[in-house]
Amino acid sequence: MSAVGVLAGVGVLLLAGPAAAHVEVSADKDTAGATDVTLTFHGEAENDAAGIKSERVVLPEGIAPGDVTLVKAPAGWTFTPTADGFTVAGKALKVGADAEWSVQIAKLPDGETRLSFKTLETYGDGEVSRWIEIQEQGKDEPDNPAPLVTLKPGAKPTTTSAAPAGAAPSSAPASAAAPAPAATTVAAQPAADSDEDDGGSLWWVWVIAAVALGAVAVLYGRNRGKKS
């Protein structure tokens, strides 16, 4: 191989090197709207003089910082929510050591199939690698792509059945039947009244009987008077 060819190959490798050092992310559930999803980030070290000391992640729309909790991070690193995402940071890792951390998302957004997590990777010497360019579907990958999760569409929400609406009329007969006990009570009332009426209507019988007894007594007295 000629010297020119060797130099050309080295040049290609040098140009390709930085582009390969991405921050990448993967999800253990790949469906939109999934709950309790663990995202694992992997930040590749590209600084030959210092180690990675922090990773700041900007969350995509539809995921709130309060819905994110830490699962794991490099030893000694801490998790801090921010206004638009979160940061994991601590003592700088060894030079050349990649950073890996995982967080749990309470729920992925519904209807989204591409989630980009812009990430700022900071090294111990102050260098910042900005992996913040959105990767657009069907286009070439940008120079500093933001970590991307590709999801499958979630299940469509089920439509409300019309059956409950039809259930309303079925309750009407039950309501109509409810007054039946009241009708029975009303029907029973005249029976009690009739008993009282029957008792009150016997007074004239007693009057006639008393008059008859009085008449008998008068006649008896007269007969005794004549005999005497």
C-alpha atoms as a PDB file:
ATOM      1  CA  MET A   1       0.000   0.000   0.000  1.00  0.00           C
ATOM      2  CA  SER A   2       1.345   3.424  -0.889  1.00  0.00           C
ATOM      3  CA  ALA A   3       2.104   6.096   1.667  1.00  0.00           C
ATOM      4  CA  VAL A   4      -0.704   8.177   0.233  1.00  0.00           C
ATOM      5  CA  GLY A   5      -3.162   5.338   0.796  1.00  0.00           C
ATOM      6  CA  VAL A   6      -2.039   4.856   4.401  1.00  0.00           C
ATOM      7  CA  LEU A   7      -2.361   8.540   5.154  1.00  0.00           C
ATOM      8  CA  ALA A   8      -5.828   8.594   3.589  1.00  0.00           C
ATOM      9  CA  GLY A   9      -6.955   5.640   5.712  1.00  0.00           C
ATOM     10  CA  VAL A  10      -5.640   7.267   8.883  1.00  0.00           C
ATOM     11  CA  GLY A  11      -7.437  10.464   7.969  1.00  0.00           C
ATOM     12  CA  VAL A  12     -10.738   8.596   7.591  1.00  0.00           C
ATOM     13  CA  LEU A  13     -10.297   6.942  10.977  1.00  0.00           C
ATOM     14  CA  LEU A  14      -9.539  10.255  12.652  1.00  0.00           C
ATOM     15  CA  LEU A  15     -12.624  11.817  11.151  1.00  0.00           C
ATOM     16  CA  ALA A  16     -14.819   8.836  12.054  1.00  0.00           C
ATOM     17  CA  GLY A  17     -13.548   8.530  15.632  1.00  0.00           C
ATOM     18  CA  PRO A  18     -15.340  11.435  17.299  1.00  0.00           C
ATOM     19  CA  ALA A  19     -18.610  10.716  15.481  1.00  0.00           C
ATOM     20  CA  ALA A  20     -18.647   7.170  16.871  1.00  0.00           C
ATOM     21  CA  ALA A  21     -18.435   8.344  20.491  1.00  0.00           C
ATOM     22  CA  HIS A  22     -22.147   8.790  21.055  1.00  0.00           C
ATOM     23  CA  VAL A  23     -24.384   8.798  24.086  1.00  0.00           C
ATOM     24  CA  GLU A  24     -26.954   6.091  23.428  1.00  0.00           C
ATOM     25  CA  VAL A  25     -30.143   5.022  25.188  1.00  0.00           C
ATOM     26  CA  SER A  26     -32.293   1.886  25.191  1.00  0.00           C
ATOM     27  CA  ALA A  27     -35.643   1.021  26.785  1.00  0.00           C
ATOM     28  CA  ASP A  28     -36.777  -2.258  28.315  1.00  0.00           C
ATOM     29  CA  LYS A  29     -40.306  -1.585  26.976  1.00  0.00           C
ATOM     30  CA  ASP A  30     -40.661  -0.275  23.447  1.00  0.00           C
ATOM     31  CA  THR A  31     -44.342   0.644  23.207  1.00  0.00           C
ATOM     32  CA  ALA A  32     -45.748   4.163  23.385  1.00  0.00           C
ATOM     33  CA  GLY A  33     -47.690   4.732  26.600  1.00  0.00           C
ATOM     34  CA  ALA A  34     -45.889   1.919  28.462  1.00  0.00           C
ATOM     35  CA  THR A  35     -45.528   2.361  32.228  1.00  0.00           C
ATOM     36  CA  ASP A  36     -42.595   1.778  34.592  1.00  0.00           C
ATOM     37  CA  VAL A  37     -40.070   1.813  31.770  1.00  0.00           C
ATOM     38  CA  THR A  38     -36.344   1.548  32.481  1.00  0.00           C
ATOM     39  CA  LEU A  39     -34.081   3.610  30.231  1.00  0.00           C
ATOM     40  CA  THR A  40     -30.391   2.723  30.161  1.00  0.00           C
ATOM     41  CA  PHE A  41     -27.925   5.359  28.915  1.00  0.00           C
ATOM     42  CA  HIS A  42     -24.384   4.668  27.751  1.00  0.00           C
ATOM     43  CA  GLY A  43     -21.982   7.560  27.352  1.00  0.00           C
ATOM     44  CA  GLU A  44     -18.805   6.710  25.456  1.00  0.00           C
ATOM     45  CA  ALA A  45     -15.647   8.443  26.678  1.00  0.00           C
ATOM     46  CA  GLU A  46     -13.817  10.447  24.033  1.00  0.00           C
ATOM     47  CA  ASN A  47     -11.452  12.619  26.080  1.00  0.00           C
ATOM     48  CA  ASP A  48      -7.884  11.337  26.313  1.00  0.00           C
ATOM     49  CA  ALA A  49      -6.987  13.643  29.200  1.00  0.00           C
ATOM     50  CA  ALA A  50      -9.946  13.509  31.608  1.00  0.00           C
ATOM     51  CA  GLY A  51     -12.797  11.254  32.665  1.00  0.00           C
ATOM     52  CA  ILE A  52     -16.538  11.888  32.527  1.00  0.00           C
ATOM     53  CA  LYS A  53     -17.901  13.556  35.665  1.00  0.00           C
ATOM     54  CA  SER A  54     -21.538  14.339  34.819  1.00  0.00           C
ATOM     55  CA  GLU A  55     -24.364  13.645  32.387  1.00  0.00           C
ATOM     56  CA  ARG A  56     -27.206  16.141  32.066  1.00  0.00           C
ATOM     57  CA  VAL A  57     -30.298  14.855  30.248  1.00  0.00           C
ATOM     58  CA  VAL A  58     -33.122  16.981  28.845  1.00  0.00           C
ATOM     59  CA  LEU A  59     -36.374  15.041  28.779  1.00  0.00           C
ATOM     60  CA  PRO A  60     -38.623  15.019  25.691  1.00  0.00           C
ATOM     61  CA  GLU A  61     -42.065  16.574  25.838  1.00  0.00           C
ATOM     62  CA  GLY A  62     -44.537  14.359  27.645  1.00  0.00           C
ATOM     63  CA  ILE A  63     -42.161  13.189  30.394  1.00  0.00           C
ATOM     64  CA  ALA A  64     -41.971  15.293  33.562  1.00  0.00           C
ATOM     65  CA  PRO A  65     -38.838  15.379  35.754  1.00  0.00           C
ATOM     66  CA  GLY A  66     -40.975  14.262  38.685  1.00  0.00           C
ATOM     67  CA  ASP A  67     -41.817  11.037  36.837  1.00  0.00           C
ATOM     68  CA  VAL A  68     -38.162   9.972  36.664  1.00  0.00           C
ATOM     69  CA  THR A  69     -36.287   8.042  39.358  1.00  0.00           C
ATOM     70  CA  LEU A  70     -32.734   6.722  39.448  1.00  0.00           C
ATOM     71  CA  VAL A  71     -32.135   3.000  39.059  1.00  0.00           C
ATOM     72  CA  LYS A  72     -28.333   2.929  38.938  1.00  0.00           C
ATOM     73  CA  ALA A  73     -25.344   5.172  38.209  1.00  0.00           C
ATOM     74  CA  PRO A  74     -21.548   5.046  38.537  1.00  0.00           C
ATOM     75  CA  ALA A  75     -20.373   4.546  42.123  1.00  0.00           C
ATOM     76  CA  GLY A  76     -20.602   7.743  44.142  1.00  0.00           C
ATOM     77  CA  TRP A  77     -22.701   9.605  41.577  1.00  0.00           C
ATOM     78  CA  THR A  78     -25.944  11.284  42.611  1.00  0.00           C
ATOM     79  CA  PHE A  79     -29.216  11.958  40.830  1.00  0.00           C
ATOM     80  CA  THR A  80     -30.639  15.494  40.715  1.00  0.00           C
ATOM     81  CA  PRO A  81     -33.902  16.506  38.995  1.00  0.00           C
ATOM     82  CA  THR A  82     -33.734  19.741  36.988  1.00  0.00           C
ATOM     83  CA  ALA A  83     -36.383  22.008  35.497  1.00  0.00           C
ATOM     84  CA  ASP A  84     -36.318  20.151  32.178  1.00  0.00           C
ATOM     85  CA  GLY A  85     -34.782  16.791  33.036  1.00  0.00           C
ATOM     86  CA  PHE A  86     -32.156  15.433  35.406  1.00  0.00           C
ATOM     87  CA  THR A  87     -28.412  15.197  36.052  1.00  0.00           C
ATOM     88  CA  VAL A  88     -26.292  12.311  37.283  1.00  0.00           C
ATOM     89  CA  ALA A  89     -22.872  13.430  38.471  1.00  0.00           C
ATOM     90  CA  GLY A  90     -20.003  12.676  40.826  1.00  0.00           C
ATOM     91  CA  LYS A  91     -16.277  12.086  40.929  1.00  0.00           C
ATOM     92  CA  ALA A  92     -14.750  11.959  37.449  1.00  0.00           C
ATOM     93  CA  LEU A  93     -14.384   8.440  36.064  1.00  0.00           C
ATOM     94  CA  LYS A  94     -11.054   7.098  34.920  1.00  0.00           C
ATOM     95  CA  VAL A  95      -9.829   8.384  31.598  1.00  0.00           C
ATOM     96  CA  GLY A  96     -11.362   6.313  28.830  1.00  0.00           C
ATOM     97  CA  ALA A  97     -14.085   4.809  31.085  1.00  0.00           C
ATOM     98  CA  ASP A  98     -17.606   4.990  29.672  1.00  0.00           C
ATOM     99  CA  ALA A  99     -20.478   6.256  31.823  1.00  0.00           C
ATOM    100  CA  GLU A 100     -23.580   4.131  32.196  1.00  0.00           C
ATOM    101  CA  TRP A 101     -26.716   4.970  34.161  1.00  0.00           C
ATOM    102  CA  SER A 102     -30.351   3.889  34.267  1.00  0.00           C
ATOM    103  CA  VAL A 103     -33.555   5.647  35.248  1.00  0.00           C
ATOM    104  CA  GLN A 104     -37.175   4.573  35.473  1.00  0.00           C
ATOM    105  CA  ILE A 105     -39.915   6.510  33.689  1.00  0.00           C
ATOM    106  CA  ALA A 106     -43.398   6.329  35.218  1.00  0.00           C
ATOM    107  CA  LYS A 107     -45.072   6.441  31.802  1.00  0.00           C
ATOM    108  CA  LEU A 108     -43.973   7.034  28.218  1.00  0.00           C
ATOM    109  CA  PRO A 109     -46.012   9.564  26.224  1.00  0.00           C
ATOM    110  CA  ASP A 110     -48.976   8.225  24.283  1.00  0.00           C
ATOM    111  CA  GLY A 111     -48.860   8.565  20.518  1.00  0.00           C
ATOM    112  CA  GLU A 112     -45.088   9.199  20.332  1.00  0.00           C
ATOM    113  CA  THR A 113     -42.806   6.772  18.505  1.00  0.00           C
ATOM    114  CA  ARG A 114     -39.528   8.752  18.602  1.00  0.00           C
ATOM    115  CA  LEU A 115     -38.202  10.157  21.875  1.00  0.00           C
ATOM    116  CA  SER A 116     -34.981  12.204  21.866  1.00  0.00           C
ATOM    117  CA  PHE A 117     -33.027  12.768  25.082  1.00  0.00           C
ATOM    118  CA  LYS A 118     -30.627  15.659  24.582  1.00  0.00           C
ATOM    119  CA  THR A 119     -27.524  15.035  26.704  1.00  0.00           C
ATOM    120  CA  LEU A 120     -24.625  17.225  27.843  1.00  0.00           C
ATOM    121  CA  GLU A 121     -21.593  15.148  28.825  1.00  0.00           C
ATOM    122  CA  THR A 122     -19.032  16.956  30.986  1.00  0.00           C
ATOM    123  CA  TYR A 123     -15.452  15.836  31.654  1.00  0.00           C
ATOM    124  CA  GLY A 124     -13.206  16.516  34.596  1.00  0.00           C
ATOM    125  CA  ASP A 125     -11.211  19.127  32.669  1.00  0.00           C
ATOM    126  CA  GLY A 126     -14.385  21.116  31.842  1.00  0.00           C
ATOM    127  CA  GLU A 127     -14.860  19.847  28.297  1.00  0.00           C
ATOM    128  CA  VAL A 128     -18.526  19.431  27.357  1.00  0.00           C
ATOM    129  CA  SER A 129     -19.753  17.122  24.603  1.00  0.00           C
ATOM    130  CA  ARG A 130     -23.197  18.211  23.436  1.00  0.00           C
ATOM    131  CA  TRP A 131     -25.268  15.337  22.111  1.00  0.00           C
ATOM    132  CA  ILE A 132     -28.282  17.488  21.334  1.00  0.00           C
ATOM    133  CA  GLU A 133     -29.092  17.287  17.622  1.00  0.00           C
ATOM    134  CA  ILE A 134     -32.450  15.664  16.886  1.00  0.00           C
ATOM    135  CA  GLN A 135     -32.250  12.675  14.569  1.00  0.00           C
ATOM    136  CA  GLU A 136     -34.964  13.041  11.958  1.00  0.00           C
ATOM    137  CA  GLN A 137     -36.535   9.958  10.440  1.00  0.00           C
ATOM    138  CA  GLY A 138     -35.348   9.250   6.899  1.00  0.00           C
ATOM    139  CA  LYS A 139     -32.381  11.625   7.132  1.00  0.00           C
ATOM    140  CA  ASP A 140     -28.670  11.066   7.766  1.00  0.00           C
ATOM    141  CA  GLU A 141     -27.531  11.014  11.368  1.00  0.00           C
ATOM    142  CA  PRO A 142     -26.261  14.448  12.491  1.00  0.00           C
ATOM    143  CA  ASP A 143     -22.753  14.993  13.849  1.00  0.00           C
ATOM    144  CA  ASN A 144     -23.864  15.208  17.474  1.00  0.00           C
ATOM    145  CA  PRO A 145     -27.063  13.160  17.656  1.00  0.00           C
ATOM    146  CA  ALA A 146     -29.221  13.191  20.756  1.00  0.00           C
ATOM    147  CA  PRO A 147     -29.873   9.736  22.231  1.00  0.00           C
ATOM    148  CA  LEU A 148     -32.978   8.325  20.586  1.00  0.00           C
ATOM    149  CA  VAL A 149     -35.564   5.735  21.612  1.00  0.00           C
ATOM    150  CA  THR A 150     -37.797   4.337  18.854  1.00  0.00           C
ATOM    151  CA  LEU A 151     -41.156   3.002  20.020  1.00  0.00           C
ATOM    152  CA  LYS A 152     -43.992   0.963  18.607  1.00  0.00           C
ATOM    153  CA  PRO A 153     -47.431   2.634  18.515  1.00  0.00           C
ATOM    154  CA  GLY A 154     -49.466   1.935  21.617  1.00  0.00           C
ATOM    155  CA  ALA A 155     -52.884   0.306  21.638  1.00  0.00           C
ATOM    156  CA  LYS A 156     -55.736   2.588  20.666  1.00  0.00           C
ATOM    157  CA  PRO A 157     -58.090   3.446  23.557  1.00  0.00           C
ATOM    158  CA  THR A 158     -61.208   1.293  23.579  1.00  0.00           C
ATOM    159  CA  THR A 159     -64.463   3.036  22.644  1.00  0.00           C
ATOM    160  CA  THR A 160     -67.238   3.226  25.187  1.00  0.00           C
ATOM    161  CA  SER A 161     -69.883   0.563  24.584  1.00  0.00           C
ATOM    162  CA  ALA A 162     -73.448   1.644  23.872  1.00  0.00           C
ATOM    163  CA  ALA A 163     -74.756  -1.121  26.123  1.00  0.00           C
ATOM    164  CA  PRO A 164     -74.923   0.995  29.306  1.00  0.00           C
ATOM    165  CA  ALA A 165     -77.249   3.456  27.528  1.00  0.00           C
ATOM    166  CA  GLY A 166     -79.664   0.627  26.721  1.00  0.00           C
ATOM    167  CA  ALA A 167     -79.608  -0.522  30.310  1.00  0.00           C
ATOM    168  CA  ALA A 168     -81.580   2.518  31.477  1.00  0.00           C
ATOM    169  CA  PRO A 169     -84.953   1.400  30.048  1.00  0.00           C
ATOM    170  CA  SER A 170     -84.574  -2.003  31.690  1.00  0.00           C
ATOM    171  CA  SER A 171     -84.759  -0.321  35.076  1.00  0.00           C
ATOM    172  CA  ALA A 172     -88.131   1.270  34.242  1.00  0.00           C
ATOM    173  CA  PRO A 173     -90.242  -1.886  34.921  1.00  0.00           C
ATOM    174  CA  ALA A 174     -88.611  -2.250  38.315  1.00  0.00           C
ATOM    175  CA  SER A 175     -89.489   1.345  39.141  1.00  0.00           C
ATOM    176  CA  ALA A 176     -93.046   0.836  37.942  1.00  0.00           C
ATOM    177  CA  ALA A 177     -93.438  -2.218  40.127  1.00  0.00           C
ATOM    178  CA  ALA A 178     -92.312  -0.323  43.229  1.00  0.00           C
ATOM    179  CA  PRO A 179     -95.720   1.305  44.017  1.00  0.00           C
ATOM    180  CA  ALA A 180     -97.369  -2.136  44.324  1.00  0.00           C
ATOM    181  CA  PRO A 181     -96.862  -2.430  48.130  1.00  0.00           C
ATOM    182  CA  ALA A 182     -98.445   1.007  48.598  1.00  0.00           C
ATOM    183  CA  ALA A 183    -101.511  -0.093  46.613  1.00  0.00           C
ATOM    184  CA  THR A 184    -101.897  -3.112  48.880  1.00  0.00           C
ATOM    185  CA  THR A 185    -101.767  -0.922  51.978  1.00  0.00           C
ATOM    186  CA  VAL A 186    -104.432   1.389  50.592  1.00  0.00           C
ATOM    187  CA  ALA A 187    -106.658  -1.567  49.724  1.00  0.00           C
ATOM    188  CA  ALA A 188    -106.373  -2.905  53.241  1.00  0.00           C
ATOM    189  CA  GLN A 189    -107.579   0.351  54.806  1.00  0.00           C
ATOM    190  CA  PRO A 190    -111.288   0.023  53.854  1.00  0.00           C
ATOM    191  CA  ALA A 191    -111.419  -3.381  55.537  1.00  0.00           C
ATOM    192  CA  ALA A 192    -110.479  -1.827  58.861  1.00  0.00           C
ATOM    193  CA  ASP A 193    -112.938   0.994  58.336  1.00  0.00           C
ATOM    194  CA  SER A 194    -115.741  -1.452  57.523  1.00  0.00           C
ATOM    195  CA  ASP A 195    -115.200  -3.234  60.833  1.00  0.00           C
ATOM    196  CA  GLU A 196    -115.621   0.030  62.676  1.00  0.00           C
ATOM    197  CA  ASP A 197    -118.731   0.822  60.646  1.00  0.00           C
ATOM    198  CA  ASP A 198    -120.244  -2.569  61.412  1.00  0.00           C
ATOM    199  CA  GLY A 199    -119.678  -2.078  65.129  1.00  0.00           C
ATOM    200  CA  GLY A 200    -121.239   1.392  65.069  1.00  0.00           C
ATOM    201  CA  SER A 201    -124.260   0.290  63.052  1.00  0.00           C
ATOM    202  CA  LEU A 202    -125.442  -2.135  65.831  1.00  0.00           C
ATOM    203  CA  TRP A 203    -126.528   0.664  68.222  1.00  0.00           C
ATOM    204  CA  TRP A 204    -130.098   0.719  66.918  1.00  0.00           C
ATOM    205  CA  VAL A 205    -130.465  -2.990  67.636  1.00  0.00           C
ATOM    206  CA  TRP A 206    -129.717  -2.325  71.300  1.00  0.00           C
ATOM    207  CA  VAL A 207    -132.183   0.578  71.361  1.00  0.00           C
ATOM    208  CA  ILE A 208    -134.989  -1.596  69.986  1.00  0.00           C
ATOM    209  CA  ALA A 209    -134.164  -4.341  72.428  1.00  0.00           C
ATOM    210  CA  ALA A 210    -134.246  -1.887  75.330  1.00  0.00           C
ATOM    211  CA  VAL A 211    -137.609  -0.492  74.193  1.00  0.00           C
ATOM    212  CA  ALA A 212    -139.000  -3.999  73.833  1.00  0.00           C
ATOM    213  CA  LEU A 213    -137.855  -5.000  77.303  1.00  0.00           C
ATOM    214  CA  GLY A 214    -139.356  -1.805  78.684  1.00  0.00           C
ATOM    215  CA  ALA A 215    -142.663  -2.561  77.031  1.00  0.00           C
ATOM    216  CA  VAL A 216    -142.661  -6.107  78.384  1.00  0.00           C
ATOM    217  CA  ALA A 217    -141.973  -4.775  81.838  1.00  0.00           C
ATOM    218  CA  VAL A 218    -144.877  -2.282  81.633  1.00  0.00           C
ATOM    219  CA  LEU A 219    -147.299  -4.968  80.437  1.00  0.00           C
ATOM    220  CA  TYR A 220    -146.182  -7.327  83.163  1.00  0.00           C
ATOM    221  CA  GLY A 221    -146.793  -4.646  85.790  1.00  0.00           C
ATOM    222  CA  ARG A 222    -150.273  -3.929  84.565  1.00  0.00           C
ATOM    223  CA  ASN A 223    -151.213  -7.584  84.564  1.00  0.00           C
ATOM    224  CA  ARG A 224    -150.112  -8.010  88.161  1.00  0.00           C
ATOM    225  CA  GLY A 225    -152.124  -4.913  89.129  1.00  0.00           C
ATOM    226  CA  LYS A 226    -155.333  -6.308  87.690  1.00  0.00           C
ATOM    227  CA  LYS A 227    -154.919  -9.645  89.425  1.00  0.00           C
ATOM    228  CA  SER A 228    -154.426  -7.976  92.732  1.00  0.00           C
END
